[in-house]
Amino acid sequence: MYRFLLLLLALVMSVSVSVAAAPEEAALGGLDHVAFPAPHRVASGRLQASDIPALKHAGIRQVIDLSLDSETPGFDEAAAVRAAGIGYHNLPIRGVGDLTRARVVQFDRLLREVGEQPTLVHCASGNRVGAMIALRAALIDGQPTDAALAEGRRWGLKGLEPAVRKQLQAWSNGAIDAPAPPAH
C-alpha cells in the first residue's frame, strides 16, 4: 500500500510539472525552429514583430539575440522587445569566424546575467544558438566534445556542427581558436 501511495504521489507530481510547463510551450509553439532545451530557456529562429506578444504572454523576461541587425532591416527587434517590457541583449554572431573563446565567454556572461529569468535565445534558425551552447558546454562546463555537440543539437545546432567540432578539436589540442575557413 505504501509503495502504491508513493507511486501515485510521484505520478501526480510529474503531471503537475508537465502541466506547469505547457502554457509556455503552447504560447511559443508558433516560433520558427523553437526548442525548449532547459528550464527557463527557449531557443528559436528569427523573431517577427508578431511574435512579441507571445513572448510577453509566455512570461519571457529576457531575449538574447545572436543575429545581426542587418538580418532584419524592416524590424527593430531591440525596440520592440524593450517596448514590451522584456530585457534585450544582442551578441551578433556573423558565422564561423565568431565562434571564438572570447565570444563564448561573452555569451556565458549574458546567460549568467539573466540568471533564472525565462529567456529566449535566438538567431535566424537556431543554428548559431546551438553552436554557442555547444562551445560553452565544452569551454565553460568542461563537457567532452560529443556531449557538448549533443547539447548544442538540443538547442538548434545543425549546419555549423562541423565547424564547432573543428573548433573543439583545436581547443583540445591547445590552440586558442581554429582558423576560420576561407570565404567562398
Protein backbone atom coordinates (compact mmCIF):
# COMPACT_ATOMS: atom_id res chain seq x y z
CA MET A 1 0.00 0.00 0.00
CA TYR A 2 2.83 2.38 0.91
CA ARG A 3 4.52 1.75 -2.45
CA PHE A 4 1.27 2.44 -4.25
CA LEU A 5 0.87 5.78 -2.46
CA LEU A 6 4.45 6.77 -3.30
CA LEU A 7 3.90 5.82 -6.93
CA LEU A 8 0.66 7.79 -7.03
CA LEU A 9 2.34 10.83 -5.46
CA ALA A 10 5.18 10.65 -8.00
CA LEU A 11 2.67 10.44 -10.84
CA VAL A 12 0.68 13.44 -9.57
CA MET A 13 3.88 15.47 -9.19
CA SER A 14 5.09 14.62 -12.69
CA VAL A 15 1.72 15.58 -14.19
CA SER A 16 1.71 18.91 -12.34
CA VAL A 17 5.24 19.68 -13.56
CA SER A 18 4.32 18.94 -17.17
CA VAL A 19 1.13 20.98 -16.91
CA ALA A 20 3.11 23.92 -15.49
CA ALA A 21 5.47 23.90 -18.49
CA ALA A 22 2.70 23.55 -21.07
CA PRO A 23 1.48 27.19 -21.22
CA GLU A 24 4.96 28.49 -22.19
CA GLU A 25 5.33 25.84 -24.85
CA ALA A 26 1.81 26.43 -26.13
CA ALA A 27 2.32 30.20 -26.29
CA LEU A 28 5.66 29.92 -28.09
CA GLY A 29 4.96 26.87 -30.24
CA GLY A 30 4.50 29.06 -33.32
CA LEU A 31 8.02 30.47 -33.26
CA ASP A 32 10.35 29.35 -36.04
CA HIS A 33 12.67 26.47 -35.06
CA VAL A 34 11.53 26.61 -31.42
CA ALA A 35 13.01 24.33 -28.78
CA PHE A 36 12.64 24.15 -25.01
CA PRO A 37 16.07 22.74 -24.13
CA ALA A 38 16.41 23.72 -20.47
CA PRO A 39 14.39 25.13 -17.58
CA HIS A 40 13.73 28.85 -18.08
CA ARG A 41 15.25 28.71 -21.58
CA VAL A 42 13.74 28.77 -25.05
CA ALA A 43 15.73 28.65 -28.28
CA SER A 44 14.33 29.74 -31.61
CA GLY A 45 14.91 31.14 -35.02
CA ARG A 46 14.23 34.66 -36.19
CA LEU A 47 11.62 36.74 -34.41
CA GLN A 48 8.95 38.74 -36.17
CA ALA A 49 7.06 41.72 -34.76
CA SER A 50 4.01 39.47 -34.44
CA ASP A 51 5.95 37.16 -32.07
CA ILE A 52 6.48 39.78 -29.36
CA PRO A 53 3.01 39.43 -27.74
CA ALA A 54 3.56 35.66 -27.50
CA LEU A 55 6.88 36.23 -25.69
CA LYS A 56 5.14 38.51 -23.22
CA HIS A 57 2.25 36.07 -22.77
CA ALA A 58 4.67 33.19 -22.15
CA GLY A 59 6.45 35.15 -19.43
CA ILE A 60 9.72 35.64 -21.27
CA ARG A 61 11.69 38.26 -19.33
CA GLN A 62 14.88 38.39 -21.41
CA VAL A 63 15.88 37.96 -25.06
CA ILE A 64 19.42 37.18 -26.17
CA ASP A 65 19.70 37.81 -29.91
CA LEU A 66 22.69 36.31 -31.73
CA SER A 67 21.77 37.80 -35.09
CA LEU A 68 22.93 40.98 -36.78
CA ASP A 69 20.61 43.96 -37.06
CA SER A 70 21.12 43.84 -40.84
CA GLU A 71 19.37 40.44 -40.94
CA THR A 72 16.03 42.11 -40.22
CA PRO A 73 16.23 45.53 -41.88
CA GLY A 74 12.50 46.22 -41.59
CA PHE A 75 12.16 45.28 -37.93
CA ASP A 76 13.82 46.95 -34.93
CA GLU A 77 13.73 43.93 -32.66
CA ALA A 78 15.55 45.65 -29.79
CA ALA A 79 13.00 48.48 -29.67
CA ALA A 80 10.00 46.13 -29.99
CA VAL A 81 11.22 43.76 -27.28
CA ARG A 82 12.09 46.59 -24.90
CA ALA A 83 8.74 48.30 -25.56
CA ALA A 84 7.06 45.08 -24.41
CA GLY A 85 8.95 45.33 -21.11
CA ILE A 86 11.34 42.49 -21.93
CA GLY A 87 15.11 42.83 -21.49
CA TYR A 88 17.10 42.69 -24.73
CA HIS A 89 20.74 41.72 -25.30
CA ASN A 90 22.50 41.44 -28.65
CA LEU A 91 25.67 39.45 -29.29
CA PRO A 92 25.93 39.25 -33.08
CA ILE A 93 27.49 36.03 -34.32
CA ARG A 94 28.24 36.50 -38.01
CA GLY A 95 29.28 32.92 -38.62
CA VAL A 96 32.21 30.57 -38.14
CA GLY A 97 34.69 33.39 -37.61
CA ASP A 98 32.84 34.48 -34.47
CA LEU A 99 32.93 31.05 -32.86
CA THR A 100 35.79 32.08 -30.58
CA ARG A 101 36.65 31.72 -26.94
CA ALA A 102 36.08 35.44 -26.39
CA ARG A 103 32.58 35.27 -27.88
CA VAL A 104 31.75 32.16 -25.83
CA VAL A 105 32.84 33.99 -22.66
CA GLN A 106 30.63 36.96 -23.63
CA PHE A 107 27.73 34.58 -24.29
CA ASP A 108 28.26 32.85 -20.95
CA ARG A 109 28.27 36.23 -19.20
CA LEU A 110 24.90 37.09 -20.78
CA LEU A 111 23.39 33.77 -19.70
CA ARG A 112 24.68 34.28 -16.18
CA GLU A 113 23.35 37.85 -16.05
CA VAL A 114 19.82 36.77 -16.96
CA GLY A 115 20.03 34.03 -14.34
CA GLU A 116 16.85 32.04 -13.85
CA GLN A 117 14.63 34.53 -15.66
CA PRO A 118 12.69 32.95 -18.53
CA THR A 119 14.90 33.74 -21.52
CA LEU A 120 14.62 33.31 -25.27
CA VAL A 121 17.94 32.84 -27.08
CA HIS A 122 17.68 33.12 -30.85
CA CYS A 123 19.30 33.74 -34.21
CA ALA A 124 17.84 33.17 -37.68
CA SER A 125 17.42 29.39 -37.42
CA GLY A 126 18.74 28.33 -34.01
CA ASN A 127 21.98 27.08 -35.59
CA ARG A 128 24.22 29.81 -34.11
CA VAL A 129 22.45 29.39 -30.76
CA GLY A 130 23.27 25.67 -30.78
CA ALA A 131 26.85 26.37 -31.85
CA MET A 132 27.42 28.80 -28.99
CA ILE A 133 25.75 26.45 -26.50
CA ALA A 134 27.98 23.55 -27.63
CA LEU A 135 31.12 25.66 -27.38
CA ARG A 136 30.04 26.95 -23.97
CA ALA A 137 29.31 23.40 -22.77
CA ALA A 138 32.87 22.42 -23.63
CA LEU A 139 34.75 25.59 -22.69
CA ILE A 140 32.85 26.69 -19.58
CA ASP A 141 31.25 23.47 -18.33
CA GLY A 142 34.11 21.15 -19.32
CA GLN A 143 31.94 18.70 -21.26
CA PRO A 144 33.64 16.35 -23.73
CA THR A 145 33.15 17.05 -27.43
CA ASP A 146 30.36 14.53 -28.06
CA ALA A 147 28.34 15.67 -25.03
CA ALA A 148 28.85 19.34 -25.94
CA LEU A 149 27.70 18.71 -29.52
CA ALA A 150 24.65 16.80 -28.28
CA GLU A 151 23.76 19.74 -26.05
CA GLY A 152 24.20 22.10 -28.98
CA ARG A 153 21.86 19.98 -31.12
CA ARG A 154 19.17 20.19 -28.41
CA TRP A 155 19.36 23.98 -28.80
CA GLY A 156 19.37 24.05 -32.62
CA LEU A 157 22.88 23.20 -33.85
CA LYS A 158 22.76 21.92 -37.42
CA GLY A 159 24.92 23.19 -40.28
CA LEU A 160 27.61 24.70 -38.05
CA GLU A 161 28.31 21.36 -36.36
CA PRO A 162 31.44 20.56 -38.45
CA ALA A 163 32.91 23.99 -37.64
CA VAL A 164 32.07 23.59 -33.95
CA ARG A 165 33.64 20.13 -33.91
CA LYS A 166 36.77 21.56 -35.56
CA GLN A 167 36.93 24.38 -33.02
CA LEU A 168 36.54 21.98 -30.10
CA GLN A 169 39.27 19.75 -31.53
CA ALA A 170 41.58 22.75 -31.95
CA TRP A 171 40.91 23.85 -28.37
CA SER A 172 41.60 20.37 -27.04
CA ASN A 173 44.92 20.44 -28.92
CA GLY A 174 45.86 23.69 -27.21
CA ALA A 175 45.02 26.16 -30.00
CA ILE A 176 43.47 29.45 -28.99
CA ASP A 177 40.92 29.35 -31.84
CA ALA A 178 40.70 27.36 -35.06
CA PRO A 179 41.30 29.45 -38.17
CA ALA A 180 38.14 30.40 -40.00
CA PRO A 181 37.73 28.62 -43.34
CA PRO A 182 38.24 30.76 -46.45
CA ALA A 183 35.17 32.56 -47.78
CA HIS A 184 33.62 31.03 -50.89
